[in-house]
N, C-alpha and C. Protein backbone atom coordinates (compact mmCIF):
# COMPACT_ATOMS: atom_id res chain seq x y z
N UNK A 1 -23.66 9.84 -24.78
CA UNK A 1 -23.08 10.93 -25.57
C UNK A 1 -21.73 11.34 -25.02
N UNK A 2 -21.56 11.27 -23.71
CA UNK A 2 -20.30 11.65 -23.11
C UNK A 2 -20.28 13.14 -22.79
N UNK A 3 -19.30 13.56 -21.96
CA UNK A 3 -19.24 14.96 -21.54
C UNK A 3 -18.98 15.90 -22.70
N UNK A 4 -18.07 15.50 -23.62
CA UNK A 4 -17.75 16.37 -24.75
C UNK A 4 -18.98 16.56 -25.63
N UNK A 5 -19.71 15.48 -25.93
CA UNK A 5 -20.89 15.59 -26.78
C UNK A 5 -21.97 16.41 -26.12
N UNK A 6 -22.16 16.26 -24.81
CA UNK A 6 -23.16 17.04 -24.09
C UNK A 6 -22.82 18.52 -24.12
N UNK A 7 -21.56 18.85 -23.95
CA UNK A 7 -21.14 20.26 -23.99
C UNK A 7 -21.38 20.87 -25.36
N UNK A 8 -21.05 20.12 -26.41
CA UNK A 8 -21.27 20.63 -27.77
C UNK A 8 -22.75 20.86 -28.03
N UNK A 9 -23.61 19.96 -27.57
CA UNK A 9 -25.05 20.11 -27.76
C UNK A 9 -25.56 21.34 -27.02
N UNK A 10 -25.04 21.58 -25.82
CA UNK A 10 -25.46 22.74 -25.05
C UNK A 10 -25.07 24.04 -25.75
N UNK A 11 -23.86 24.07 -26.32
CA UNK A 11 -23.40 25.26 -27.03
C UNK A 11 -24.27 25.52 -28.26
N UNK A 12 -24.61 24.46 -29.01
CA UNK A 12 -25.47 24.63 -30.18
C UNK A 12 -26.84 25.16 -29.80
N UNK A 13 -27.38 24.67 -28.67
CA UNK A 13 -28.70 25.15 -28.23
C UNK A 13 -28.64 26.61 -27.86
N UNK A 14 -27.63 27.01 -27.10
CA UNK A 14 -27.52 28.40 -26.69
C UNK A 14 -27.40 29.33 -27.89
N UNK A 15 -26.66 28.89 -28.90
CA UNK A 15 -26.53 29.71 -30.10
C UNK A 15 -27.84 29.82 -30.85
N UNK A 16 -28.62 28.72 -30.87
CA UNK A 16 -29.88 28.73 -31.62
C UNK A 16 -30.92 29.66 -31.01
N UNK A 17 -30.85 29.89 -29.69
CA UNK A 17 -31.83 30.78 -29.04
C UNK A 17 -31.26 32.17 -28.83
N UNK A 18 -30.10 32.42 -29.39
CA UNK A 18 -29.53 33.75 -29.34
C UNK A 18 -28.79 34.08 -28.06
N UNK A 19 -28.55 33.09 -27.24
CA UNK A 19 -27.81 33.33 -26.00
C UNK A 19 -26.32 33.16 -26.26
N UNK A 20 -25.53 34.14 -25.91
CA UNK A 20 -24.09 33.99 -26.16
C UNK A 20 -23.51 32.81 -25.40
N UNK A 21 -22.63 32.10 -26.07
CA UNK A 21 -21.98 30.96 -25.42
C UNK A 21 -21.09 31.44 -24.29
N UNK A 22 -21.01 30.71 -23.22
CA UNK A 22 -20.15 31.12 -22.10
C UNK A 22 -18.68 31.14 -22.51
N UNK A 23 -17.94 32.00 -21.84
CA UNK A 23 -16.50 32.06 -22.09
C UNK A 23 -15.84 30.76 -21.63
N UNK A 24 -14.83 30.30 -22.36
CA UNK A 24 -14.15 29.07 -21.92
C UNK A 24 -13.49 29.26 -20.57
N UNK A 25 -13.52 28.20 -19.79
CA UNK A 25 -12.92 28.24 -18.46
C UNK A 25 -11.44 27.93 -18.57
N UNK A 26 -10.63 28.78 -17.97
CA UNK A 26 -9.19 28.55 -18.02
C UNK A 26 -8.81 27.38 -17.12
N UNK A 27 -7.88 26.59 -17.60
CA UNK A 27 -7.41 25.45 -16.82
C UNK A 27 -6.66 25.93 -15.59
N UNK A 28 -6.79 25.21 -14.51
CA UNK A 28 -6.06 25.56 -13.29
C UNK A 28 -4.56 25.32 -13.50
N UNK A 29 -3.73 26.12 -12.87
CA UNK A 29 -2.28 25.90 -13.03
C UNK A 29 -1.88 24.55 -12.45
N UNK A 30 -0.90 23.96 -13.08
CA UNK A 30 -0.41 22.67 -12.59
C UNK A 30 0.30 22.86 -11.26
N UNK A 31 -0.01 22.01 -10.28
CA UNK A 31 0.64 22.18 -8.97
C UNK A 31 2.13 21.87 -9.06
N UNK A 32 2.88 22.52 -8.18
CA UNK A 32 4.32 22.24 -8.11
C UNK A 32 4.53 20.84 -7.54
N UNK A 33 5.43 20.10 -8.16
CA UNK A 33 5.77 18.76 -7.70
C UNK A 33 7.11 18.82 -6.97
N UNK A 34 7.11 18.38 -5.73
CA UNK A 34 8.33 18.46 -4.94
C UNK A 34 8.30 17.39 -3.86
N UNK A 35 9.44 17.17 -3.25
CA UNK A 35 9.53 16.22 -2.15
C UNK A 35 9.00 16.86 -0.86
N UNK A 36 8.54 16.03 0.05
CA UNK A 36 8.09 16.51 1.35
C UNK A 36 9.29 16.74 2.23
N UNK A 37 9.40 17.92 2.78
CA UNK A 37 10.53 18.25 3.64
C UNK A 37 10.44 17.56 4.98
N UNK A 38 11.60 17.38 5.63
CA UNK A 38 11.63 16.71 6.93
C UNK A 38 10.81 17.48 7.96
N UNK A 39 10.77 18.81 7.84
CA UNK A 39 10.03 19.62 8.81
C UNK A 39 8.52 19.60 8.54
N UNK A 40 8.09 18.97 7.44
CA UNK A 40 6.67 18.90 7.12
C UNK A 40 6.04 17.56 7.50
N UNK A 41 6.85 16.63 7.95
CA UNK A 41 6.35 15.30 8.25
C UNK A 41 5.69 15.26 9.62
N UNK A 42 4.47 14.74 9.65
CA UNK A 42 3.77 14.61 10.92
C UNK A 42 4.46 13.54 11.77
N UNK A 43 4.46 13.72 13.09
CA UNK A 43 5.12 12.74 13.96
C UNK A 43 4.28 11.48 14.12
N UNK A 44 4.24 10.66 13.08
CA UNK A 44 3.43 9.44 13.10
C UNK A 44 4.28 8.24 13.51
N UNK A 45 3.68 7.36 14.27
CA UNK A 45 4.33 6.11 14.64
C UNK A 45 4.19 5.16 13.45
N UNK A 46 5.30 4.66 12.88
CA UNK A 46 5.21 3.76 11.73
C UNK A 46 4.34 2.54 11.98
N UNK A 47 4.38 2.00 13.19
CA UNK A 47 3.56 0.83 13.50
C UNK A 47 2.08 1.18 13.45
N UNK A 48 1.73 2.36 13.96
CA UNK A 48 0.33 2.79 13.92
C UNK A 48 -0.10 3.06 12.48
N UNK A 49 0.81 3.63 11.70
CA UNK A 49 0.52 3.87 10.28
C UNK A 49 0.19 2.56 9.57
N UNK A 50 1.02 1.55 9.79
CA UNK A 50 0.77 0.24 9.18
C UNK A 50 -0.56 -0.36 9.66
N UNK A 51 -0.83 -0.23 10.97
CA UNK A 51 -2.03 -0.84 11.53
C UNK A 51 -3.29 -0.23 10.94
N UNK A 52 -3.34 1.09 10.87
CA UNK A 52 -4.54 1.76 10.36
C UNK A 52 -4.71 1.51 8.87
N UNK A 53 -3.62 1.64 8.10
CA UNK A 53 -3.72 1.42 6.66
C UNK A 53 -4.00 -0.05 6.34
N UNK A 54 -3.69 -0.95 7.29
CA UNK A 54 -3.98 -2.36 7.08
C UNK A 54 -5.47 -2.67 7.05
N UNK A 55 -6.31 -1.72 7.50
CA UNK A 55 -7.75 -1.91 7.41
C UNK A 55 -8.26 -1.79 5.98
N UNK A 56 -7.42 -1.31 5.08
CA UNK A 56 -7.79 -1.21 3.67
C UNK A 56 -7.41 -2.51 2.98
N UNK A 57 -8.41 -3.31 2.62
CA UNK A 57 -8.15 -4.59 1.96
C UNK A 57 -7.73 -4.36 0.51
N UNK A 58 -6.73 -5.11 0.07
CA UNK A 58 -6.25 -4.99 -1.31
C UNK A 58 -6.18 -6.35 -1.97
N UNK A 59 -6.17 -6.35 -3.28
CA UNK A 59 -5.86 -7.56 -4.02
C UNK A 59 -4.37 -7.83 -3.96
N UNK A 60 -3.96 -8.99 -4.41
CA UNK A 60 -2.56 -9.37 -4.37
C UNK A 60 -2.11 -9.78 -5.77
N UNK A 61 -0.97 -9.28 -6.19
CA UNK A 61 -0.45 -9.59 -7.51
C UNK A 61 1.01 -10.03 -7.41
N UNK A 62 1.48 -10.63 -8.48
CA UNK A 62 2.92 -10.85 -8.66
C UNK A 62 3.30 -10.15 -9.95
N UNK A 63 4.24 -9.22 -9.85
CA UNK A 63 4.75 -8.49 -11.01
C UNK A 63 5.95 -9.27 -11.55
N UNK A 64 5.92 -9.63 -12.82
CA UNK A 64 7.02 -10.39 -13.41
C UNK A 64 7.58 -9.65 -14.62
N UNK A 65 8.81 -9.98 -14.96
CA UNK A 65 9.46 -9.40 -16.13
C UNK A 65 10.34 -10.47 -16.78
N UNK A 66 10.54 -10.40 -18.09
CA UNK A 66 11.40 -11.37 -18.76
C UNK A 66 12.86 -11.12 -18.41
N UNK A 67 13.73 -12.06 -18.72
CA UNK A 67 15.16 -11.83 -18.47
C UNK A 67 15.64 -10.56 -19.17
N UNK A 68 16.41 -9.76 -18.46
CA UNK A 68 16.91 -8.51 -19.04
C UNK A 68 18.10 -8.75 -19.96
N UNK A 69 18.70 -9.95 -19.89
CA UNK A 69 19.84 -10.29 -20.74
C UNK A 69 19.81 -11.78 -21.02
N UNK A 70 20.40 -12.23 -22.12
CA UNK A 70 20.42 -13.66 -22.43
C UNK A 70 21.06 -14.47 -21.31
N UNK A 71 20.40 -15.55 -20.92
CA UNK A 71 20.92 -16.40 -19.86
C UNK A 71 20.55 -15.97 -18.47
N UNK A 72 19.98 -14.77 -18.33
CA UNK A 72 19.58 -14.29 -17.00
C UNK A 72 18.21 -14.86 -16.64
N UNK A 73 17.92 -14.99 -15.36
CA UNK A 73 16.60 -15.50 -14.96
C UNK A 73 15.54 -14.40 -15.08
N UNK A 74 14.27 -14.77 -15.16
CA UNK A 74 13.22 -13.75 -15.13
C UNK A 74 13.15 -13.11 -13.75
N UNK A 75 12.44 -12.01 -13.65
CA UNK A 75 12.32 -11.29 -12.39
C UNK A 75 10.87 -11.31 -11.93
N UNK A 76 10.67 -11.21 -10.62
CA UNK A 76 9.31 -11.17 -10.11
C UNK A 76 9.27 -10.85 -8.63
N UNK A 77 8.21 -10.19 -8.19
CA UNK A 77 8.03 -9.93 -6.77
C UNK A 77 6.54 -9.79 -6.46
N UNK A 78 6.16 -10.11 -5.21
CA UNK A 78 4.78 -9.98 -4.76
C UNK A 78 4.46 -8.51 -4.52
N UNK A 79 3.28 -8.10 -4.96
CA UNK A 79 2.93 -6.67 -4.89
C UNK A 79 1.44 -6.53 -4.59
N UNK A 80 1.12 -5.85 -3.50
CA UNK A 80 -0.28 -5.58 -3.19
C UNK A 80 -0.68 -4.15 -3.54
N UNK A 81 0.31 -3.30 -3.84
CA UNK A 81 0.02 -1.90 -4.16
C UNK A 81 -0.09 -1.73 -5.68
N UNK A 82 -1.08 -2.41 -6.26
CA UNK A 82 -1.35 -2.32 -7.69
C UNK A 82 -2.72 -1.69 -7.89
N UNK A 83 -2.87 -0.88 -8.93
CA UNK A 83 -4.15 -0.23 -9.18
C UNK A 83 -4.31 0.10 -10.66
N UNK A 84 -5.55 0.16 -11.11
CA UNK A 84 -5.82 0.71 -12.44
C UNK A 84 -5.68 2.22 -12.34
N UNK A 85 -5.29 2.88 -13.42
CA UNK A 85 -4.99 4.30 -13.38
C UNK A 85 -5.78 5.11 -14.40
N UNK A 86 -5.84 4.63 -15.65
CA UNK A 86 -6.48 5.41 -16.72
C UNK A 86 -7.10 4.46 -17.73
N UNK A 87 -8.27 4.86 -18.26
CA UNK A 87 -8.93 4.08 -19.29
C UNK A 87 -8.46 4.48 -20.68
N UNK A 88 -8.23 5.78 -20.89
CA UNK A 88 -7.82 6.28 -22.19
C UNK A 88 -6.71 7.31 -22.01
N UNK A 89 -5.45 6.91 -22.19
CA UNK A 89 -4.98 5.59 -22.62
C UNK A 89 -5.03 4.59 -21.47
N UNK A 90 -5.00 3.30 -21.79
CA UNK A 90 -5.07 2.29 -20.73
C UNK A 90 -3.76 2.23 -19.94
N UNK A 91 -3.83 2.67 -18.69
CA UNK A 91 -2.65 2.71 -17.82
C UNK A 91 -2.96 2.03 -16.49
N UNK A 92 -1.96 1.39 -15.92
CA UNK A 92 -2.04 0.84 -14.57
C UNK A 92 -0.83 1.35 -13.81
N UNK A 93 -0.80 1.09 -12.51
CA UNK A 93 0.35 1.53 -11.70
C UNK A 93 0.58 0.56 -10.56
N UNK A 94 1.82 0.48 -10.14
CA UNK A 94 2.16 -0.26 -8.92
C UNK A 94 3.27 0.49 -8.20
N UNK A 95 3.39 0.24 -6.92
CA UNK A 95 4.41 0.87 -6.10
C UNK A 95 5.43 -0.18 -5.65
N UNK A 96 6.69 0.19 -5.67
CA UNK A 96 7.75 -0.72 -5.28
C UNK A 96 8.75 0.05 -4.43
N UNK A 97 9.29 -0.61 -3.40
CA UNK A 97 10.26 0.03 -2.52
C UNK A 97 11.52 0.44 -3.27
N UNK A 98 12.06 1.57 -2.91
CA UNK A 98 13.25 2.07 -3.61
C UNK A 98 14.47 1.20 -3.35
N UNK A 99 14.43 0.38 -2.31
CA UNK A 99 15.55 -0.52 -2.01
C UNK A 99 15.35 -1.90 -2.65
N UNK A 100 14.29 -2.09 -3.41
CA UNK A 100 14.04 -3.39 -4.03
C UNK A 100 15.18 -3.79 -4.96
N UNK A 101 15.60 -5.04 -4.86
CA UNK A 101 16.63 -5.54 -5.76
C UNK A 101 16.03 -6.12 -7.05
N UNK A 102 14.71 -6.32 -7.05
CA UNK A 102 14.04 -6.84 -8.25
C UNK A 102 13.68 -5.73 -9.21
N UNK A 103 13.31 -4.56 -8.69
CA UNK A 103 12.88 -3.48 -9.57
C UNK A 103 13.92 -3.11 -10.63
N UNK A 104 15.22 -2.98 -10.32
CA UNK A 104 16.17 -2.63 -11.39
C UNK A 104 16.13 -3.61 -12.56
N UNK A 105 15.88 -4.89 -12.28
CA UNK A 105 15.81 -5.89 -13.36
C UNK A 105 14.55 -5.67 -14.21
N UNK A 106 13.45 -5.30 -13.57
CA UNK A 106 12.23 -5.00 -14.33
C UNK A 106 12.44 -3.73 -15.15
N UNK A 107 13.10 -2.74 -14.56
CA UNK A 107 13.34 -1.48 -15.26
C UNK A 107 14.20 -1.71 -16.50
N UNK A 108 15.22 -2.57 -16.38
CA UNK A 108 16.07 -2.85 -17.53
C UNK A 108 15.30 -3.57 -18.63
N UNK A 109 14.37 -4.45 -18.23
CA UNK A 109 13.56 -5.15 -19.23
C UNK A 109 12.62 -4.16 -19.94
N UNK A 110 12.13 -3.17 -19.20
CA UNK A 110 11.24 -2.17 -19.79
C UNK A 110 9.80 -2.62 -19.96
N UNK A 111 9.50 -3.84 -19.57
CA UNK A 111 8.15 -4.40 -19.70
C UNK A 111 7.88 -5.26 -18.47
N UNK A 112 6.59 -5.55 -18.23
CA UNK A 112 6.24 -6.42 -17.10
C UNK A 112 4.84 -6.96 -17.30
N UNK A 113 4.53 -8.00 -16.53
CA UNK A 113 3.20 -8.60 -16.54
C UNK A 113 2.67 -8.63 -15.11
N UNK A 114 1.46 -8.17 -14.93
CA UNK A 114 0.80 -8.21 -13.63
C UNK A 114 -0.03 -9.48 -13.56
N UNK A 115 0.26 -10.33 -12.60
CA UNK A 115 -0.48 -11.57 -12.38
C UNK A 115 -1.38 -11.40 -11.16
N UNK A 116 -2.69 -11.37 -11.37
CA UNK A 116 -3.64 -11.22 -10.26
C UNK A 116 -3.88 -12.60 -9.65
N UNK A 117 -3.51 -12.77 -8.39
CA UNK A 117 -3.54 -14.09 -7.77
C UNK A 117 -4.93 -14.49 -7.30
N UNK A 118 -5.19 -15.80 -7.38
CA UNK A 118 -6.43 -16.35 -6.88
C UNK A 118 -6.32 -16.67 -5.40
N UNK A 119 -7.47 -16.93 -4.78
CA UNK A 119 -7.52 -17.15 -3.33
C UNK A 119 -6.65 -18.32 -2.89
N UNK A 120 -6.43 -19.30 -3.76
CA UNK A 120 -5.63 -20.46 -3.39
C UNK A 120 -4.15 -20.33 -3.64
N UNK A 121 -3.68 -19.12 -3.94
CA UNK A 121 -2.27 -18.93 -4.29
C UNK A 121 -1.48 -18.18 -3.23
N UNK A 122 -1.89 -18.33 -1.98
CA UNK A 122 -1.17 -17.66 -0.90
C UNK A 122 0.27 -18.11 -0.78
N UNK A 123 0.54 -19.40 -0.91
CA UNK A 123 1.91 -19.89 -0.80
C UNK A 123 2.76 -19.38 -1.95
N UNK A 124 2.18 -19.28 -3.15
CA UNK A 124 2.91 -18.73 -4.29
C UNK A 124 3.30 -17.29 -4.01
N UNK A 125 2.38 -16.54 -3.43
CA UNK A 125 2.68 -15.15 -3.09
C UNK A 125 3.83 -15.07 -2.09
N UNK A 126 3.80 -15.93 -1.09
CA UNK A 126 4.89 -15.92 -0.09
C UNK A 126 6.23 -16.23 -0.74
N UNK A 127 6.24 -17.12 -1.71
CA UNK A 127 7.49 -17.46 -2.39
C UNK A 127 8.06 -16.26 -3.12
N UNK A 128 7.19 -15.44 -3.70
CA UNK A 128 7.66 -14.28 -4.44
C UNK A 128 7.95 -13.09 -3.53
N UNK A 129 7.60 -13.21 -2.26
CA UNK A 129 7.90 -12.14 -1.31
C UNK A 129 9.27 -12.30 -0.67
N UNK A 130 9.91 -13.45 -0.91
CA UNK A 130 11.22 -13.72 -0.32
C UNK A 130 12.31 -13.09 -1.18
N UNK A 131 13.24 -12.42 -0.54
CA UNK A 131 14.33 -11.76 -1.27
C UNK A 131 15.50 -12.71 -1.45
N UNK A 132 16.06 -12.73 -2.66
CA UNK A 132 17.27 -13.49 -2.91
C UNK A 132 17.09 -14.94 -3.26
N UNK A 133 15.87 -15.46 -3.20
CA UNK A 133 15.64 -16.87 -3.50
C UNK A 133 15.35 -17.05 -4.99
N UNK A 134 15.39 -18.30 -5.45
CA UNK A 134 14.99 -18.61 -6.81
C UNK A 134 13.47 -18.69 -6.82
N UNK A 135 12.83 -17.58 -7.11
CA UNK A 135 11.38 -17.48 -6.95
C UNK A 135 10.61 -18.30 -7.97
N UNK A 136 11.23 -18.64 -9.08
CA UNK A 136 10.52 -19.37 -10.14
C UNK A 136 10.74 -20.88 -10.07
N UNK A 137 11.47 -21.35 -9.07
CA UNK A 137 11.71 -22.79 -8.94
C UNK A 137 10.39 -23.52 -8.71
N UNK A 138 10.08 -24.44 -9.60
CA UNK A 138 8.86 -25.22 -9.48
C UNK A 138 7.58 -24.49 -9.82
N UNK A 139 7.68 -23.26 -10.33
CA UNK A 139 6.49 -22.46 -10.66
C UNK A 139 6.16 -22.63 -12.14
N UNK A 140 4.92 -22.97 -12.42
CA UNK A 140 4.48 -23.14 -13.81
C UNK A 140 4.06 -21.79 -14.39
N UNK A 141 4.52 -21.52 -15.60
CA UNK A 141 4.15 -20.27 -16.28
C UNK A 141 4.40 -20.41 -17.76
N UNK A 142 3.78 -19.50 -18.52
CA UNK A 142 4.11 -19.36 -19.93
C UNK A 142 4.46 -17.90 -20.18
N UNK A 143 4.70 -17.53 -21.43
CA UNK A 143 5.12 -16.16 -21.75
C UNK A 143 3.92 -15.30 -22.11
N UNK A 144 3.81 -14.14 -21.49
CA UNK A 144 2.78 -13.18 -21.87
C UNK A 144 3.00 -12.76 -23.32
N UNK A 145 1.91 -12.48 -24.07
CA UNK A 145 2.04 -12.33 -25.53
C UNK A 145 2.87 -11.15 -26.00
N UNK A 146 2.87 -10.05 -25.30
CA UNK A 146 3.60 -8.86 -25.76
C UNK A 146 4.95 -8.71 -25.10
N UNK A 147 5.00 -8.84 -23.79
CA UNK A 147 6.25 -8.60 -23.06
C UNK A 147 7.14 -9.83 -22.99
N UNK A 148 6.54 -11.02 -23.08
CA UNK A 148 7.31 -12.24 -22.85
C UNK A 148 7.57 -12.51 -21.39
N UNK A 149 7.01 -11.68 -20.50
CA UNK A 149 7.18 -11.87 -19.06
C UNK A 149 6.42 -13.11 -18.61
N UNK A 150 6.85 -13.76 -17.54
CA UNK A 150 6.15 -14.94 -17.05
C UNK A 150 4.69 -14.65 -16.70
N UNK A 151 3.80 -15.44 -17.26
CA UNK A 151 2.37 -15.38 -16.96
C UNK A 151 2.06 -16.62 -16.12
N UNK A 152 1.82 -16.42 -14.84
CA UNK A 152 1.78 -17.52 -13.89
C UNK A 152 0.51 -18.36 -14.03
N UNK A 153 0.70 -19.65 -14.06
CA UNK A 153 -0.43 -20.58 -14.12
C UNK A 153 -1.27 -20.46 -12.86
N UNK A 154 -2.58 -20.39 -13.02
CA UNK A 154 -3.48 -20.29 -11.88
C UNK A 154 -3.90 -18.89 -11.53
N UNK A 155 -3.23 -17.86 -12.08
CA UNK A 155 -3.64 -16.49 -11.82
C UNK A 155 -5.03 -16.25 -12.41
N UNK A 156 -5.83 -15.42 -11.75
CA UNK A 156 -7.20 -15.20 -12.21
C UNK A 156 -7.28 -14.14 -13.31
N UNK A 157 -6.21 -13.38 -13.50
CA UNK A 157 -6.15 -12.38 -14.58
C UNK A 157 -4.70 -12.00 -14.80
N UNK A 158 -4.40 -11.50 -16.00
CA UNK A 158 -3.05 -11.03 -16.30
C UNK A 158 -3.15 -9.76 -17.12
N UNK A 159 -2.18 -8.86 -16.91
CA UNK A 159 -2.13 -7.58 -17.63
C UNK A 159 -0.70 -7.38 -18.11
N UNK A 160 -0.51 -7.35 -19.42
CA UNK A 160 0.80 -7.19 -20.03
C UNK A 160 1.06 -5.69 -20.23
N UNK A 161 2.25 -5.22 -19.87
CA UNK A 161 2.50 -3.78 -19.86
C UNK A 161 3.91 -3.43 -20.33
N UNK A 162 4.06 -2.19 -20.77
CA UNK A 162 5.36 -1.57 -21.00
C UNK A 162 5.52 -0.45 -19.99
N UNK A 163 6.72 -0.28 -19.46
CA UNK A 163 6.96 0.79 -18.50
C UNK A 163 6.73 2.14 -19.20
N UNK A 164 5.82 2.92 -18.65
CA UNK A 164 5.43 4.20 -19.25
C UNK A 164 6.09 5.39 -18.55
N UNK A 165 6.13 5.35 -17.22
CA UNK A 165 6.73 6.43 -16.44
C UNK A 165 7.04 5.92 -15.05
N UNK A 166 7.99 6.57 -14.38
CA UNK A 166 8.35 6.24 -13.01
C UNK A 166 8.45 7.54 -12.22
N UNK A 167 7.77 7.59 -11.07
CA UNK A 167 7.78 8.78 -10.22
C UNK A 167 8.24 8.39 -8.82
N UNK A 168 8.82 9.33 -8.11
CA UNK A 168 9.22 9.09 -6.73
C UNK A 168 8.03 9.33 -5.81
N UNK A 169 7.93 8.53 -4.76
CA UNK A 169 6.88 8.69 -3.76
C UNK A 169 7.41 8.30 -2.40
N UNK A 170 8.17 9.20 -1.77
CA UNK A 170 8.75 8.88 -0.47
C UNK A 170 9.76 7.76 -0.59
N UNK A 171 9.56 6.69 0.20
CA UNK A 171 10.50 5.57 0.15
C UNK A 171 10.12 4.53 -0.91
N UNK A 172 9.16 4.88 -1.77
CA UNK A 172 8.74 4.00 -2.85
C UNK A 172 8.84 4.70 -4.20
N UNK A 173 8.78 3.90 -5.26
CA UNK A 173 8.66 4.41 -6.62
C UNK A 173 7.26 4.08 -7.12
N UNK A 174 6.69 4.99 -7.88
CA UNK A 174 5.38 4.79 -8.48
C UNK A 174 5.61 4.49 -9.96
N UNK A 175 5.35 3.25 -10.35
CA UNK A 175 5.61 2.81 -11.71
C UNK A 175 4.31 2.78 -12.48
N UNK A 176 4.27 3.51 -13.58
CA UNK A 176 3.09 3.56 -14.45
C UNK A 176 3.35 2.67 -15.66
N UNK A 177 2.42 1.79 -15.93
CA UNK A 177 2.55 0.88 -17.07
C UNK A 177 1.49 1.13 -18.12
N UNK A 178 1.89 1.10 -19.38
CA UNK A 178 0.95 1.19 -20.50
C UNK A 178 0.52 -0.22 -20.88
N UNK A 179 -0.77 -0.49 -20.81
CA UNK A 179 -1.28 -1.84 -21.05
C UNK A 179 -1.23 -2.15 -22.54
N UNK A 180 -0.60 -3.27 -22.88
CA UNK A 180 -0.49 -3.69 -24.27
C UNK A 180 -1.33 -4.92 -24.58
N UNK A 181 -1.69 -5.69 -23.55
CA UNK A 181 -2.56 -6.85 -23.72
C UNK A 181 -3.03 -7.26 -22.33
N UNK A 182 -4.16 -7.94 -22.27
CA UNK A 182 -4.67 -8.40 -20.97
C UNK A 182 -5.73 -9.46 -21.20
N UNK A 183 -6.06 -10.19 -20.16
CA UNK A 183 -7.07 -11.21 -20.30
C UNK A 183 -7.35 -11.92 -18.99
N UNK A 184 -8.45 -12.66 -18.93
CA UNK A 184 -8.73 -13.47 -17.74
C UNK A 184 -7.82 -14.67 -17.69
N UNK A 185 -7.60 -15.16 -16.50
CA UNK A 185 -6.81 -16.37 -16.33
C UNK A 185 -7.70 -17.55 -15.99
N UNK A 186 -7.31 -18.29 -14.97
CA UNK A 186 -8.09 -19.44 -14.55
C UNK A 186 -9.10 -19.03 -13.48
N UNK A 187 -10.28 -19.59 -13.55
CA UNK A 187 -11.34 -19.26 -12.60
C UNK A 187 -11.07 -19.93 -11.26
N UNK A 188 -11.00 -19.12 -10.21
CA UNK A 188 -10.86 -19.64 -8.86
C UNK A 188 -12.23 -19.55 -8.19
N UNK A 189 -12.80 -20.67 -7.73
CA UNK A 189 -14.14 -20.62 -7.14
C UNK A 189 -14.23 -19.71 -5.92
N UNK A 190 -13.08 -19.45 -5.27
CA UNK A 190 -13.08 -18.57 -4.10
C UNK A 190 -12.68 -17.14 -4.44
N UNK A 191 -12.57 -16.85 -5.73
CA UNK A 191 -12.27 -15.48 -6.14
C UNK A 191 -10.81 -15.12 -6.00
N UNK A 192 -10.50 -13.81 -5.94
CA UNK A 192 -9.11 -13.38 -5.86
C UNK A 192 -8.56 -13.48 -4.45
N UNK A 193 -7.23 -13.49 -4.35
CA UNK A 193 -6.54 -13.45 -3.06
C UNK A 193 -6.57 -12.01 -2.55
N UNK A 194 -6.89 -11.84 -1.28
CA UNK A 194 -6.93 -10.52 -0.66
C UNK A 194 -5.91 -10.44 0.47
N UNK A 195 -5.51 -9.22 0.80
CA UNK A 195 -4.60 -8.99 1.93
C UNK A 195 -5.26 -7.97 2.84
N UNK A 196 -5.45 -8.34 4.10
CA UNK A 196 -6.17 -7.47 5.03
C UNK A 196 -5.63 -7.68 6.45
N UNK A 197 -5.27 -6.58 7.10
CA UNK A 197 -4.76 -6.62 8.47
C UNK A 197 -3.58 -7.57 8.64
N UNK A 198 -2.68 -7.54 7.65
CA UNK A 198 -1.44 -8.29 7.76
C UNK A 198 -1.52 -9.75 7.41
N UNK A 199 -2.64 -10.21 6.88
CA UNK A 199 -2.73 -11.62 6.50
C UNK A 199 -3.62 -11.78 5.28
N UNK A 200 -3.50 -12.94 4.64
CA UNK A 200 -4.30 -13.22 3.46
C UNK A 200 -5.76 -13.48 3.86
N UNK A 201 -6.64 -13.12 2.95
CA UNK A 201 -8.06 -13.32 3.18
C UNK A 201 -8.70 -13.66 1.83
N UNK A 202 -10.00 -13.86 1.83
CA UNK A 202 -10.71 -14.14 0.60
C UNK A 202 -12.13 -13.59 0.70
N UNK A 203 -12.78 -13.46 -0.44
CA UNK A 203 -14.13 -12.95 -0.46
C UNK A 203 -15.07 -13.94 0.23
N UNK A 204 -16.05 -13.43 0.96
CA UNK A 204 -17.07 -14.27 1.56
C UNK A 204 -18.24 -14.37 0.59
N UNK A 205 -18.48 -15.55 0.09
CA UNK A 205 -19.57 -15.76 -0.84
C UNK A 205 -20.91 -15.77 -0.08
N UNK A 206 -21.99 -15.18 -0.67
CA UNK A 206 -23.29 -15.20 0.01
C UNK A 206 -23.85 -16.61 0.08
């Protein structure tokens, strides 16, 4: 029935037995959005921050975008900070460094495709993590159906998106994408590629 249907049923029952319906609950005020001041930052060692957060295993993706102008190459970069965000509407998000030279090309395109890498695609991921190289040299792909962004051969899943919103998050940008199409890719017997404690890993099958 869902939360809305359950609430409506409860209100109808209360009315039927003569019990007054409860007063509606006021929504909480929206929190203020602001940057963290320099005097509010805890004295954390960046190396220790990386080490501890490295205990959180993540999947690995390559974010791609079609050429932003005729004759220009497509864009792409390796990204482990990808997550689903909302079911209704369907939204996903990824984080990218504010100094990234690839992100402006994706932003100009206004669309992107998330390629979820399989366990055997570690070398492909490394190729897309290199700055300034021709990342698509020798890489097989076709065009995602809505964005036209490169859909990499061998990826275990793909998610086609339009840029929905961009927020600042410290030294990164938080990019929210509206999903326009998605689907499974090729089945990898070892499952998806994982990143844990600074190196690639894979699921352990029982």
